[in-house]
Amino acid sequence: MYKYFFKRLIDFLIAFCALSVIWPILLAVTVWLHFANKGAGAFFLQERPGKGGKIFKVIKFKTMTDERDADGNLLPDVQRLTKVGKFVRSTSVDELPQLINVLKGDMALIGPRPLLPRYLPLYSKEQYRRHEVRPGITGWAQVNGRNNLSWTRTFELDVWYVDHCTLATDIKIIFMTVRKVLFREDISQEGQATRLPFDGTN
């Protein structure tokens, strides 16, 4: 009953209350990033697969500039990541706009992280099961290694959550998430500004 009804109701109420309280913070960060990103904007919208693989647009704070090289190609992530963006990412503030996605029903507070649509054909049948529930702002894989995990291990943890989605599990993940944010753990893979892409084998 929790997984199929109460979880969505609780998510909506928490997201609504949270946005009602933190909107001044979101406004301040928006202005801060507008200038730090050198005109590239403060928000980042990208298509991601949700429950059942249905595509939606995830909303995040933008932590990089749109700077390009002489040939018009975007510079590497590590060069475009600003100091402000690094702070916003390390404190997980960049995830807060996804509360809007939770209100809309695209996402849940807790669930497998929404990844790129191009990964869909690369999943095994078991890995694809991560789409049996709504994707989340945080999840079981995020509190058990986050970006320092291999993709294979990440998907194993995602599927574990699908099979163990209970109120007790979600409460545990929330407390573990708070600890991760406070200690800024597992933000990125060693030597990388962002996580290496999934290629179907890693």
Protein backbone atom coordinates (compact mmCIF):
# COMPACT_ATOMS: atom_id res chain seq x y z
CA MET A 1 0.00 0.00 0.00
CA TYR A 2 2.82 2.42 0.87
CA LYS A 3 4.67 1.84 -2.41
CA TYR A 4 1.59 2.31 -4.60
CA PHE A 5 -0.33 5.07 -2.78
CA PHE A 6 1.01 6.60 0.44
CA LYS A 7 4.52 7.17 -0.92
CA ARG A 8 3.22 9.52 -3.63
CA LEU A 9 0.99 11.38 -1.17
CA ILE A 10 3.82 11.84 1.33
CA ASP A 11 6.21 12.96 -1.43
CA PHE A 12 3.76 15.62 -2.64
CA LEU A 13 3.13 17.02 0.84
CA ILE A 14 6.82 17.14 1.78
CA ALA A 15 7.83 18.73 -1.54
CA PHE A 16 5.08 21.35 -1.26
CA CYS A 17 6.02 22.27 2.31
CA ALA A 18 9.75 22.31 1.53
CA LEU A 19 9.34 24.63 -1.46
CA SER A 20 7.14 26.93 0.62
CA VAL A 21 9.97 27.29 3.14
CA ILE A 22 13.13 27.33 1.00
CA TRP A 23 11.99 29.47 -1.96
CA PRO A 24 14.10 32.46 -0.75
CA ILE A 25 17.19 30.23 -0.80
CA LEU A 26 16.35 29.00 -4.30
CA LEU A 27 15.93 32.61 -5.45
CA ALA A 28 19.30 33.64 -3.98
CA VAL A 29 21.08 30.67 -5.58
CA THR A 30 19.42 31.45 -8.92
CA VAL A 31 20.81 34.99 -8.90
CA TRP A 32 24.23 33.77 -7.70
CA LEU A 33 24.52 31.19 -10.48
CA HIS A 34 23.24 33.62 -13.13
CA PHE A 35 26.38 35.71 -12.68
CA ALA A 36 28.78 32.84 -11.93
CA ASN A 37 27.80 30.96 -15.10
CA LYS A 38 28.71 33.93 -17.29
CA GLY A 39 25.31 34.29 -18.90
CA ALA A 40 24.69 30.55 -19.35
CA GLY A 41 21.65 30.68 -17.08
CA ALA A 42 20.94 29.26 -13.63
CA PHE A 43 18.82 26.23 -14.53
CA PHE A 44 19.55 23.04 -16.40
CA LEU A 45 16.72 21.08 -18.01
CA GLN A 46 17.43 17.68 -19.48
CA GLU A 47 15.31 14.78 -20.68
CA ARG A 48 15.46 11.74 -18.40
CA PRO A 49 13.49 8.47 -18.30
CA GLY A 50 11.10 8.11 -15.37
CA LYS A 51 8.76 5.37 -14.23
CA GLY A 52 8.19 2.88 -17.01
CA GLY A 53 10.87 4.62 -19.08
CA LYS A 54 8.59 7.59 -19.78
CA ILE A 55 10.66 10.66 -20.68
CA PHE A 56 10.36 13.86 -18.65
CA LYS A 57 12.50 16.98 -18.16
CA VAL A 58 14.47 17.03 -14.92
CA ILE A 59 15.15 20.46 -13.37
CA LYS A 60 18.49 21.20 -11.70
CA PHE A 61 20.62 24.20 -10.93
CA LYS A 62 23.27 24.67 -13.60
CA THR A 63 26.80 24.41 -12.21
CA MET A 64 28.82 24.89 -15.40
CA THR A 65 29.37 27.60 -17.99
CA ASP A 66 28.78 27.06 -21.72
CA GLU A 67 32.36 27.98 -22.66
CA ARG A 68 33.66 26.47 -25.89
CA ASP A 69 36.97 26.01 -27.66
CA ALA A 70 38.03 27.62 -30.94
CA ASP A 71 36.13 24.95 -32.91
CA GLY A 72 32.87 25.60 -31.06
CA ASN A 73 33.03 22.45 -28.93
CA LEU A 74 32.19 22.62 -25.24
CA LEU A 75 35.25 22.62 -23.02
CA PRO A 76 35.73 19.60 -20.69
CA ASP A 77 33.45 19.53 -17.64
CA VAL A 78 36.33 20.15 -15.23
CA GLN A 79 37.12 23.45 -17.01
CA ARG A 80 33.50 24.64 -17.14
CA LEU A 81 32.66 23.82 -13.52
CA THR A 82 32.77 27.14 -11.64
CA LYS A 83 33.80 27.62 -8.00
CA VAL A 84 30.22 28.55 -7.19
CA GLY A 85 28.98 25.53 -9.12
CA LYS A 86 31.38 23.25 -7.27
CA PHE A 87 30.05 24.50 -3.94
CA VAL A 88 26.42 24.16 -5.06
CA ARG A 89 27.10 20.62 -6.26
CA SER A 90 29.10 19.55 -3.18
CA THR A 91 26.26 20.67 -0.89
CA SER A 92 23.67 19.02 -3.19
CA VAL A 93 21.82 22.34 -3.50
CA ASP A 94 21.77 21.74 -7.27
CA GLU A 95 19.23 18.96 -6.66
CA LEU A 96 16.65 21.15 -4.87
CA PRO A 97 14.76 22.34 -8.01
CA GLN A 98 13.81 18.69 -8.54
CA LEU A 99 11.24 19.22 -5.78
CA ILE A 100 9.20 20.74 -8.61
CA ASN A 101 9.50 17.43 -10.48
CA VAL A 102 8.25 15.69 -7.33
CA LEU A 103 5.21 17.97 -7.20
CA LYS A 104 4.45 17.21 -10.85
CA GLY A 105 4.70 13.47 -10.25
CA ASP A 106 7.72 12.94 -12.50
CA MET A 107 9.90 11.99 -9.54
CA ALA A 108 9.79 10.84 -5.93
CA LEU A 109 11.90 12.03 -3.01
CA ILE A 110 13.49 8.57 -2.77
CA GLY A 111 14.20 6.28 -5.72
CA PRO A 112 16.84 5.38 -8.34
CA ARG A 113 18.43 8.49 -9.80
CA PRO A 114 17.09 9.42 -13.28
CA LEU A 115 19.83 8.81 -15.82
CA LEU A 116 20.26 9.62 -19.52
CA PRO A 117 17.82 8.30 -22.15
CA ARG A 118 20.71 6.97 -24.22
CA TYR A 119 21.39 4.40 -21.50
CA LEU A 120 17.98 2.72 -21.94
CA PRO A 121 19.05 0.29 -24.71
CA LEU A 122 22.19 -0.63 -22.74
CA TYR A 123 20.44 -2.01 -19.66
CA SER A 124 20.04 -5.71 -19.06
CA LYS A 125 16.50 -6.91 -18.30
CA GLU A 126 17.31 -6.88 -14.58
CA GLN A 127 18.90 -3.42 -14.67
CA TYR A 128 15.84 -2.02 -16.47
CA ARG A 129 13.76 -2.91 -13.42
CA ARG A 130 15.01 0.34 -11.85
CA HIS A 131 12.23 1.98 -13.88
CA GLU A 132 9.48 0.10 -12.04
CA VAL A 133 9.33 3.01 -9.57
CA ARG A 134 9.59 6.79 -9.92
CA PRO A 135 13.17 8.08 -9.95
CA GLY A 136 14.25 9.97 -6.85
CA ILE A 137 16.22 13.00 -5.74
CA THR A 138 18.21 10.62 -3.57
CA GLY A 139 18.27 6.86 -3.38
CA TRP A 140 19.78 3.66 -1.99
CA ALA A 141 22.73 3.78 -4.39
CA GLN A 142 23.42 7.45 -3.54
CA VAL A 143 23.79 6.74 0.18
CA ASN A 144 25.93 3.65 -0.45
CA GLY A 145 28.70 5.15 -2.56
CA ARG A 146 27.02 7.51 -5.02
CA ASN A 147 29.49 8.43 -7.79
CA ASN A 148 32.26 6.23 -6.42
CA LEU A 149 30.33 3.07 -7.29
CA SER A 150 30.68 1.13 -10.52
CA TRP A 151 27.61 1.34 -12.74
CA THR A 152 27.01 -2.40 -12.22
CA ARG A 153 26.91 -1.95 -8.45
CA THR A 154 24.71 1.15 -8.79
CA PHE A 155 22.10 -0.79 -10.75
CA GLU A 156 22.21 -3.67 -8.27
CA LEU A 157 21.41 -1.24 -5.47
CA ASP A 158 18.67 0.43 -7.54
CA VAL A 159 16.94 -2.89 -8.13
CA TRP A 160 17.34 -3.79 -4.44
CA TYR A 161 15.41 -0.62 -3.62
CA VAL A 162 12.63 -1.51 -6.05
CA ASP A 163 12.17 -4.79 -4.15
CA HIS A 164 12.47 -3.20 -0.69
CA CYS A 165 10.53 0.06 -1.08
CA THR A 166 8.98 0.63 2.35
CA LEU A 167 8.45 3.60 4.65
CA ALA A 168 11.20 2.30 6.94
CA THR A 169 13.65 2.07 4.03
CA ASP A 170 12.83 5.59 2.86
CA ILE A 171 13.29 7.05 6.35
CA LYS A 172 16.66 5.31 6.62
CA ILE A 173 17.74 6.72 3.24
CA ILE A 174 16.71 10.24 4.27
CA PHE A 175 18.89 10.14 7.40
CA MET A 176 21.81 8.63 5.46
CA THR A 177 21.40 11.34 2.80
CA VAL A 178 21.61 14.10 5.41
CA ARG A 179 24.88 12.61 6.64
CA LYS A 180 26.29 12.40 3.10
CA VAL A 181 25.38 16.04 2.41
CA LEU A 182 26.84 17.31 5.69
CA PHE A 183 30.14 15.51 5.13
CA ARG A 184 30.07 16.07 1.33
CA GLU A 185 30.91 12.47 0.58
CA ASP A 186 31.10 10.71 -2.83
CA ILE A 187 30.35 13.86 -4.85
CA SER A 188 32.35 12.77 -7.89
CA GLN A 189 34.66 10.00 -9.03
CA GLU A 190 38.32 10.54 -8.24
CA GLY A 191 39.97 12.71 -10.89
CA GLN A 192 36.65 13.58 -12.53
CA ALA A 193 34.39 16.65 -12.27
CA THR A 194 31.43 14.40 -13.07
CA ARG A 195 30.82 10.66 -13.32
CA LEU A 196 32.11 8.68 -16.29
CA PRO A 197 29.29 7.72 -18.69
CA PHE A 198 27.73 4.26 -18.72
CA ASP A 199 28.76 2.18 -21.75
CA GLY A 200 26.88 -1.03 -21.02
CA THR A 201 29.83 -2.79 -19.41
CA ASN A 202 31.07 -0.64 -16.52
